Amino acid sequence: MCRSIKTLFNFEPAVTDEEIRAASLQFVRKLSGFAKPSKVNMLAFAAAVDEIAATSKKLLEALETSAPPRSREKYGS
């Protein structure tokens, strides 16, 4: 897995939409092998980032845990 993608679940304060989008972008970059897609692939690349970000946000909102929230300072997120 991508080393730059960090765990986003169960942090206080909660992750932002920007953090979710950044992780989604890293994921799409890793899958595609493109740091920056060509013009011909830009729409597909952007759509994938948008879809993964939306699905990731839904996942993070739906997950439940009895564990206390993690501290951002402690985990460096």
PDB file of N, CA and C in Angstrom:
ATOM      1  N   MET A   1       0.842  -1.180   0.000  1.00  0.00           N
ATOM      2  CA  MET A   1       0.000   0.000   0.000  1.00  0.00           C
ATOM      3  C   MET A   1       0.882   1.235   0.000  1.00  0.00           C
ATOM      4  N   CYS A   2       0.319   2.298  -0.405  1.00  0.00           N
ATOM      5  CA  CYS A   2       1.032   3.571  -0.469  1.00  0.00           C
ATOM      6  C   CYS A   2       1.447   4.019   0.929  1.00  0.00           C
ATOM      7  N   ARG A   3       2.696   4.308   1.105  1.00  0.00           N
ATOM      8  CA  ARG A   3       3.177   4.741   2.418  1.00  0.00           C
ATOM      9  C   ARG A   3       2.615   6.093   2.818  1.00  0.00           C
ATOM     10  N   SER A   4       2.283   6.925   1.854  1.00  0.00           N
ATOM     11  CA  SER A   4       1.797   8.262   2.186  1.00  0.00           C
ATOM     12  C   SER A   4       0.307   8.292   2.510  1.00  0.00           C
ATOM     13  N   ILE A   5      -0.393   7.187   2.319  1.00  0.00           N
ATOM     14  CA  ILE A   5      -1.798   7.119   2.702  1.00  0.00           C
ATOM     15  C   ILE A   5      -1.846   6.700   4.159  1.00  0.00           C
ATOM     16  N   LYS A   6      -2.479   7.534   4.967  1.00  0.00           N
ATOM     17  CA  LYS A   6      -2.536   7.293   6.401  1.00  0.00           C
ATOM     18  C   LYS A   6      -3.929   6.857   6.821  1.00  0.00           C
ATOM     19  N   THR A   7      -4.012   6.200   7.963  1.00  0.00           N
ATOM     20  CA  THR A   7      -5.300   5.850   8.546  1.00  0.00           C
ATOM     21  C   THR A   7      -6.070   7.137   8.820  1.00  0.00           C
ATOM     22  N   LEU A   8      -7.342   7.158   8.467  1.00  0.00           N
ATOM     23  CA  LEU A   8      -8.159   8.354   8.644  1.00  0.00           C
ATOM     24  C   LEU A   8      -9.284   8.159   9.652  1.00  0.00           C
ATOM     25  N   PHE A   9      -9.496   6.944  10.098  1.00  0.00           N
ATOM     26  CA  PHE A   9     -10.627   6.643  10.974  1.00  0.00           C
ATOM     27  C   PHE A   9     -10.290   6.849  12.447  1.00  0.00           C
ATOM     28  N   ASN A  10     -11.250   7.373  13.164  1.00  0.00           N
ATOM     29  CA  ASN A  10     -11.234   7.471  14.627  1.00  0.00           C
ATOM     30  C   ASN A  10     -10.156   8.409  15.155  1.00  0.00           C
ATOM     31  N   PHE A  11     -10.110   9.604  14.582  1.00  0.00           N
ATOM     32  CA  PHE A  11      -9.196  10.632  15.082  1.00  0.00           C
ATOM     33  C   PHE A  11      -9.982  11.794  15.661  1.00  0.00           C
ATOM     34  N   GLU A  12      -9.395  12.457  16.609  1.00  0.00           N
ATOM     35  CA  GLU A  12      -9.963  13.671  17.184  1.00  0.00           C
ATOM     36  C   GLU A  12      -8.941  14.781  17.040  1.00  0.00           C
ATOM     37  N   PRO A  13      -9.252  15.859  16.343  1.00  0.00           N
ATOM     38  CA  PRO A  13     -10.497  16.075  15.619  1.00  0.00           C
ATOM     39  C   PRO A  13     -10.584  15.182  14.382  1.00  0.00           C
ATOM     40  N   ALA A  14     -11.814  15.009  13.924  1.00  0.00           N
ATOM     41  CA  ALA A  14     -12.065  14.135  12.773  1.00  0.00           C
ATOM     42  C   ALA A  14     -11.355  14.661  11.523  1.00  0.00           C
ATOM     43  N   VAL A  15     -11.114  13.764  10.591  1.00  0.00           N
ATOM     44  CA  VAL A  15     -10.451  14.159   9.346  1.00  0.00           C
ATOM     45  C   VAL A  15     -11.333  15.109   8.549  1.00  0.00           C
ATOM     46  N   THR A  16     -10.699  15.886   7.717  1.00  0.00           N
ATOM     47  CA  THR A  16     -11.411  16.850   6.880  1.00  0.00           C
ATOM     48  C   THR A  16     -11.650  16.258   5.493  1.00  0.00           C
ATOM     49  N   ASP A  17     -12.533  16.895   4.751  1.00  0.00           N
ATOM     50  CA  ASP A  17     -12.769  16.479   3.365  1.00  0.00           C
ATOM     51  C   ASP A  17     -11.484  16.596   2.544  1.00  0.00           C
ATOM     52  N   GLU A  18     -10.675  17.588   2.852  1.00  0.00           N
ATOM     53  CA  GLU A  18      -9.412  17.772   2.130  1.00  0.00           C
ATOM     54  C   GLU A  18      -8.460  16.602   2.375  1.00  0.00           C
ATOM     55  N   GLU A  19      -8.430  16.100   3.609  1.00  0.00           N
ATOM     56  CA  GLU A  19      -7.569  14.951   3.926  1.00  0.00           C
ATOM     57  C   GLU A  19      -8.063  13.688   3.223  1.00  0.00           C
ATOM     58  N   ILE A  20      -9.374  13.526   3.163  1.00  0.00           N
ATOM     59  CA  ILE A  20      -9.947  12.373   2.463  1.00  0.00           C
ATOM     60  C   ILE A  20      -9.618  12.462   0.977  1.00  0.00           C
ATOM     61  N   ARG A  21      -9.754  13.641   0.412  1.00  0.00           N
ATOM     62  CA  ARG A  21      -9.454  13.826  -1.016  1.00  0.00           C
ATOM     63  C   ARG A  21      -7.973  13.594  -1.303  1.00  0.00           C
ATOM     64  N   ALA A  22      -7.101  14.068  -0.423  1.00  0.00           N
ATOM     65  CA  ALA A  22      -5.659  13.865  -0.615  1.00  0.00           C
ATOM     66  C   ALA A  22      -5.313  12.378  -0.596  1.00  0.00           C
ATOM     67  N   ALA A  23      -5.919  11.627   0.308  1.00  0.00           N
ATOM     68  CA  ALA A  23      -5.676  10.182   0.362  1.00  0.00           C
ATOM     69  C   ALA A  23      -6.216   9.507  -0.896  1.00  0.00           C
ATOM     70  N   SER A  24      -7.365   9.966  -1.368  1.00  0.00           N
ATOM     71  CA  SER A  24      -7.955   9.413  -2.591  1.00  0.00           C
ATOM     72  C   SER A  24      -7.067   9.689  -3.798  1.00  0.00           C
ATOM     73  N   LEU A  25      -6.533  10.880  -3.869  1.00  0.00           N
ATOM     74  CA  LEU A  25      -5.617  11.239  -4.955  1.00  0.00           C
ATOM     75  C   LEU A  25      -4.379  10.349  -4.928  1.00  0.00           C
ATOM     76  N   GLN A  26      -3.807  10.132  -3.757  1.00  0.00           N
ATOM     77  CA  GLN A  26      -2.631   9.267  -3.636  1.00  0.00           C
ATOM     78  C   GLN A  26      -2.956   7.841  -4.085  1.00  0.00           C
ATOM     79  N   PHE A  27      -4.141   7.363  -3.716  1.00  0.00           N
ATOM     80  CA  PHE A  27      -4.565   6.017  -4.091  1.00  0.00           C
ATOM     81  C   PHE A  27      -4.676   5.891  -5.611  1.00  0.00           C
ATOM     82  N   VAL A  28      -5.308   6.869  -6.251  1.00  0.00           N
ATOM     83  CA  VAL A  28      -5.463   6.840  -7.710  1.00  0.00           C
ATOM     84  C   VAL A  28      -4.100   6.959  -8.392  1.00  0.00           C
ATOM     85  N   ARG A  29      -3.233   7.779  -7.865  1.00  0.00           N
ATOM     86  CA  ARG A  29      -1.874   7.877  -8.415  1.00  0.00           C
ATOM     87  C   ARG A  29      -1.162   6.535  -8.342  1.00  0.00           C
ATOM     88  N   LYS A  30      -1.297   5.862  -7.221  1.00  0.00           N
ATOM     89  CA  LYS A  30      -0.638   4.564  -7.042  1.00  0.00           C
ATOM     90  C   LYS A  30      -1.216   3.534  -8.017  1.00  0.00           C
ATOM     91  N   LEU A  31      -2.541   3.476  -8.113  1.00  0.00           N
ATOM     92  CA  LEU A  31      -3.178   2.506  -9.013  1.00  0.00           C
ATOM     93  C   LEU A  31      -2.833   2.750 -10.475  1.00  0.00           C
ATOM     94  N   SER A  32      -2.855   4.021 -10.873  1.00  0.00           N
ATOM     95  CA  SER A  32      -2.661   4.347 -12.287  1.00  0.00           C
ATOM     96  C   SER A  32      -1.190   4.405 -12.690  1.00  0.00           C
ATOM     97  N   GLY A  33      -0.338   4.684 -11.733  1.00  0.00           N
ATOM     98  CA  GLY A  33       1.070   4.870 -12.054  1.00  0.00           C
ATOM     99  C   GLY A  33       1.379   6.267 -12.559  1.00  0.00           C
ATOM    100  N   PHE A  34       0.385   7.158 -12.520  1.00  0.00           N
ATOM    101  CA  PHE A  34       0.561   8.537 -12.978  1.00  0.00           C
ATOM    102  C   PHE A  34       0.621   9.485 -11.787  1.00  0.00           C
ATOM    103  N   ALA A  35       1.657  10.297 -11.708  1.00  0.00           N
ATOM    104  CA  ALA A  35       1.671  11.377 -10.719  1.00  0.00           C
ATOM    105  C   ALA A  35       0.731  12.481 -11.200  1.00  0.00           C
ATOM    106  N   LYS A  36       0.764  12.698 -12.517  1.00  0.00           N
ATOM    107  CA  LYS A  36      -0.133  13.656 -13.158  1.00  0.00           C
ATOM    108  C   LYS A  36      -0.549  13.036 -14.486  1.00  0.00           C
ATOM    109  N   PRO A  37      -1.857  12.827 -14.686  1.00  0.00           N
ATOM    110  CA  PRO A  37      -2.295  12.174 -15.923  1.00  0.00           C
ATOM    111  C   PRO A  37      -2.166  13.086 -17.144  1.00  0.00           C
ATOM    112  N   SER A  38      -2.100  12.462 -18.292  1.00  0.00           N
ATOM    113  CA  SER A  38      -2.095  13.213 -19.548  1.00  0.00           C
ATOM    114  C   SER A  38      -3.478  13.828 -19.761  1.00  0.00           C
ATOM    115  N   LYS A  39      -3.578  14.735 -20.717  1.00  0.00           N
ATOM    116  CA  LYS A  39      -4.867  15.378 -21.007  1.00  0.00           C
ATOM    117  C   LYS A  39      -5.936  14.355 -21.358  1.00  0.00           C
ATOM    118  N   VAL A  40      -5.554  13.336 -22.109  1.00  0.00           N
ATOM    119  CA  VAL A  40      -6.527  12.332 -22.539  1.00  0.00           C
ATOM    120  C   VAL A  40      -7.059  11.514 -21.353  1.00  0.00           C
ATOM    121  N   ASN A  41      -6.287  11.400 -20.291  1.00  0.00           N
ATOM    122  CA  ASN A  41      -6.701  10.626 -19.119  1.00  0.00           C
ATOM    123  C   ASN A  41      -7.199  11.481 -17.959  1.00  0.00           C
ATOM    124  N   MET A  42      -7.175  12.793 -18.100  1.00  0.00           N
ATOM    125  CA  MET A  42      -7.517  13.690 -16.997  1.00  0.00           C
ATOM    126  C   MET A  42      -8.935  13.480 -16.466  1.00  0.00           C
ATOM    127  N   LEU A  43      -9.917  13.346 -17.337  1.00  0.00           N
ATOM    128  CA  LEU A  43     -11.298  13.177 -16.880  1.00  0.00           C
ATOM    129  C   LEU A  43     -11.483  11.875 -16.113  1.00  0.00           C
ATOM    130  N   ALA A  44     -10.931  10.797 -16.617  1.00  0.00           N
ATOM    131  CA  ALA A  44     -11.045   9.508 -15.931  1.00  0.00           C
ATOM    132  C   ALA A  44     -10.341   9.555 -14.580  1.00  0.00           C
ATOM    133  N   PHE A  45      -9.189  10.185 -14.546  1.00  0.00           N
ATOM    134  CA  PHE A  45      -8.401  10.314 -13.318  1.00  0.00           C
ATOM    135  C   PHE A  45      -9.181  11.120 -12.276  1.00  0.00           C
ATOM    136  N   ALA A  46      -9.700  12.278 -12.681  1.00  0.00           N
ATOM    137  CA  ALA A  46     -10.452  13.145 -11.768  1.00  0.00           C
ATOM    138  C   ALA A  46     -11.727  12.468 -11.280  1.00  0.00           C
ATOM    139  N   ALA A  47     -12.412  11.756 -12.173  1.00  0.00           N
ATOM    140  CA  ALA A  47     -13.631  11.046 -11.779  1.00  0.00           C
ATOM    141  C   ALA A  47     -13.322   9.967 -10.749  1.00  0.00           C
ATOM    142  N   ALA A  48     -12.223   9.259 -10.937  1.00  0.00           N
ATOM    143  CA  ALA A  48     -11.831   8.222  -9.978  1.00  0.00           C
ATOM    144  C   ALA A  48     -11.532   8.830  -8.613  1.00  0.00           C
ATOM    145  N   VAL A  49     -10.821   9.939  -8.591  1.00  0.00           N
ATOM    146  CA  VAL A  49     -10.518  10.607  -7.316  1.00  0.00           C
ATOM    147  C   VAL A  49     -11.817  11.028  -6.632  1.00  0.00           C
ATOM    148  N   ASP A  50     -12.735  11.625  -7.383  1.00  0.00           N
ATOM    149  CA  ASP A  50     -14.012  12.067  -6.818  1.00  0.00           C
ATOM    150  C   ASP A  50     -14.812  10.900  -6.247  1.00  0.00           C
ATOM    151  N   GLU A  51     -14.898   9.810  -7.001  1.00  0.00           N
ATOM    152  CA  GLU A  51     -15.666   8.646  -6.554  1.00  0.00           C
ATOM    153  C   GLU A  51     -15.046   7.997  -5.324  1.00  0.00           C
ATOM    154  N   ILE A  52     -13.744   7.866  -5.312  1.00  0.00           N
ATOM    155  CA  ILE A  52     -13.067   7.248  -4.169  1.00  0.00           C
ATOM    156  C   ILE A  52     -13.193   8.139  -2.939  1.00  0.00           C
ATOM    157  N   ALA A  53     -13.082   9.443  -3.110  1.00  0.00           N
ATOM    158  CA  ALA A  53     -13.240  10.367  -1.982  1.00  0.00           C
ATOM    159  C   ALA A  53     -14.651  10.273  -1.404  1.00  0.00           C
ATOM    160  N   ALA A  54     -15.657  10.249  -2.266  1.00  0.00           N
ATOM    161  CA  ALA A  54     -17.042  10.162  -1.797  1.00  0.00           C
ATOM    162  C   ALA A  54     -17.302   8.846  -1.072  1.00  0.00           C
ATOM    163  N   THR A  55     -16.827   7.752  -1.637  1.00  0.00           N
ATOM    164  CA  THR A  55     -17.009   6.444  -1.012  1.00  0.00           C
ATOM    165  C   THR A  55     -16.237   6.350   0.298  1.00  0.00           C
ATOM    166  N   SER A  56     -15.054   6.911   0.333  1.00  0.00           N
ATOM    167  CA  SER A  56     -14.247   6.901   1.558  1.00  0.00           C
ATOM    168  C   SER A  56     -14.931   7.689   2.664  1.00  0.00           C
ATOM    169  N   LYS A  57     -15.508   8.830   2.313  1.00  0.00           N
ATOM    170  CA  LYS A  57     -16.216   9.637   3.310  1.00  0.00           C
ATOM    171  C   LYS A  57     -17.403   8.863   3.872  1.00  0.00           C
ATOM    172  N   LYS A  58     -18.159   8.196   3.001  1.00  0.00           N
ATOM    173  CA  LYS A  58     -19.288   7.378   3.461  1.00  0.00           C
ATOM    174  C   LYS A  58     -18.814   6.275   4.399  1.00  0.00           C
ATOM    175  N   LEU A  59     -17.720   5.636   4.038  1.00  0.00           N
ATOM    176  CA  LEU A  59     -17.162   4.580   4.879  1.00  0.00           C
ATOM    177  C   LEU A  59     -16.787   5.124   6.250  1.00  0.00           C
ATOM    178  N   LEU A  60     -16.043   6.213   6.282  1.00  0.00           N
ATOM    179  CA  LEU A  60     -15.595   6.781   7.552  1.00  0.00           C
ATOM    180  C   LEU A  60     -16.769   7.219   8.422  1.00  0.00           C
ATOM    181  N   GLU A  61     -17.835   7.713   7.806  1.00  0.00           N
ATOM    182  CA  GLU A  61     -19.022   8.120   8.555  1.00  0.00           C
ATOM    183  C   GLU A  61     -19.806   6.924   9.083  1.00  0.00           C
ATOM    184  N   ALA A  62     -19.727   5.788   8.402  1.00  0.00           N
ATOM    185  CA  ALA A  62     -20.494   4.604   8.792  1.00  0.00           C
ATOM    186  C   ALA A  62     -19.778   3.718   9.805  1.00  0.00           C
ATOM    187  N   LEU A  63     -18.456   3.779   9.846  1.00  0.00           N
ATOM    188  CA  LEU A  63     -17.702   2.921  10.755  1.00  0.00           C
ATOM    189  C   LEU A  63     -17.981   3.272  12.207  1.00  0.00           C
ATOM    190  N   GLU A  64     -17.996   2.247  13.049  1.00  0.00           N
ATOM    191  CA  GLU A  64     -18.197   2.430  14.481  1.00  0.00           C
ATOM    192  C   GLU A  64     -17.080   1.731  15.229  1.00  0.00           C
ATOM    193  N   THR A  65     -16.756   2.252  16.394  1.00  0.00           N
ATOM    194  CA  THR A  65     -15.755   1.630  17.241  1.00  0.00           C
ATOM    195  C   THR A  65     -16.028   1.992  18.692  1.00  0.00           C
ATOM    196  N   SER A  66     -15.621   1.105  19.579  1.00  0.00           N
ATOM    197  CA  SER A  66     -15.718   1.418  21.004  1.00  0.00           C
ATOM    198  C   SER A  66     -14.393   1.979  21.518  1.00  0.00           C
ATOM    199  N   ALA A  67     -13.389   1.996  20.672  1.00  0.00           N
ATOM    200  CA  ALA A  67     -12.077   2.526  21.055  1.00  0.00           C
ATOM    201  C   ALA A  67     -12.140   4.048  21.162  1.00  0.00           C
ATOM    202  N   PRO A  68     -11.398   4.605  22.082  1.00  0.00           N
ATOM    203  CA  PRO A  68     -11.376   6.071  22.172  1.00  0.00           C
ATOM    204  C   PRO A  68     -10.696   6.663  20.938  1.00  0.00           C
ATOM    205  N   PRO A  69     -11.073   7.883  20.564  1.00  0.00           N
ATOM    206  CA  PRO A  69     -10.440   8.518  19.401  1.00  0.00           C
ATOM    207  C   PRO A  69      -8.936   8.660  19.598  1.00  0.00           C
ATOM    208  N   ARG A  70      -8.211   8.518  18.512  1.00  0.00           N
ATOM    209  CA  ARG A  70      -6.755   8.687  18.540  1.00  0.00           C
ATOM    210  C   ARG A  70      -6.412  10.170  18.511  1.00  0.00           C
ATOM    211  N   SER A  71      -5.317  10.490  19.126  1.00  0.00           N
ATOM    212  CA  SER A  71      -4.828  11.864  19.138  1.00  0.00           C
ATOM    213  C   SER A  71      -4.012  12.120  17.874  1.00  0.00           C
ATOM    214  N   ARG A  72      -4.310  13.195  17.186  1.00  0.00           N
ATOM    215  CA  ARG A  72      -3.545  13.550  15.987  1.00  0.00           C
ATOM    216  C   ARG A  72      -2.092  13.833  16.323  1.00  0.00           C
ATOM    217  N   GLU A  73      -1.844  14.443  17.471  1.00  0.00           N
ATOM    218  CA  GLU A  73      -0.472  14.750  17.870  1.00  0.00           C
ATOM    219  C   GLU A  73       0.334  13.472  18.081  1.00  0.00           C
ATOM    220  N   LYS A  74      -0.277  12.496  18.712  1.00  0.00           N
ATOM    221  CA  LYS A  74       0.426  11.246  19.011  1.00  0.00           C
ATOM    222  C   LYS A  74       0.756  10.459  17.744  1.00  0.00           C
ATOM    223  N   TYR A  75      -0.190  10.446  16.793  1.00  0.00           N
ATOM    224  CA  TYR A  75      -0.018   9.648  15.582  1.00  0.00           C
ATOM    225  C   TYR A  75       0.485  10.453  14.394  1.00  0.00           C
ATOM    226  N   GLY A  76       0.630  11.740  14.558  1.00  0.00           N
ATOM    227  CA  GLY A  76       1.183  12.570  13.491  1.00  0.00           C
ATOM    228  C   GLY A  76       0.301  12.714  12.279  1.00  0.00           C
ATOM    229  N   SER A  77      -1.001  12.615  12.455  1.00  0.00           N
ATOM    230  CA  SER A  77      -1.914  12.754  11.315  1.00  0.00           C
ATOM    231  C   SER A  77      -2.347  14.175  11.119  1.00  0.00           C
TER     232      SER A  77
END
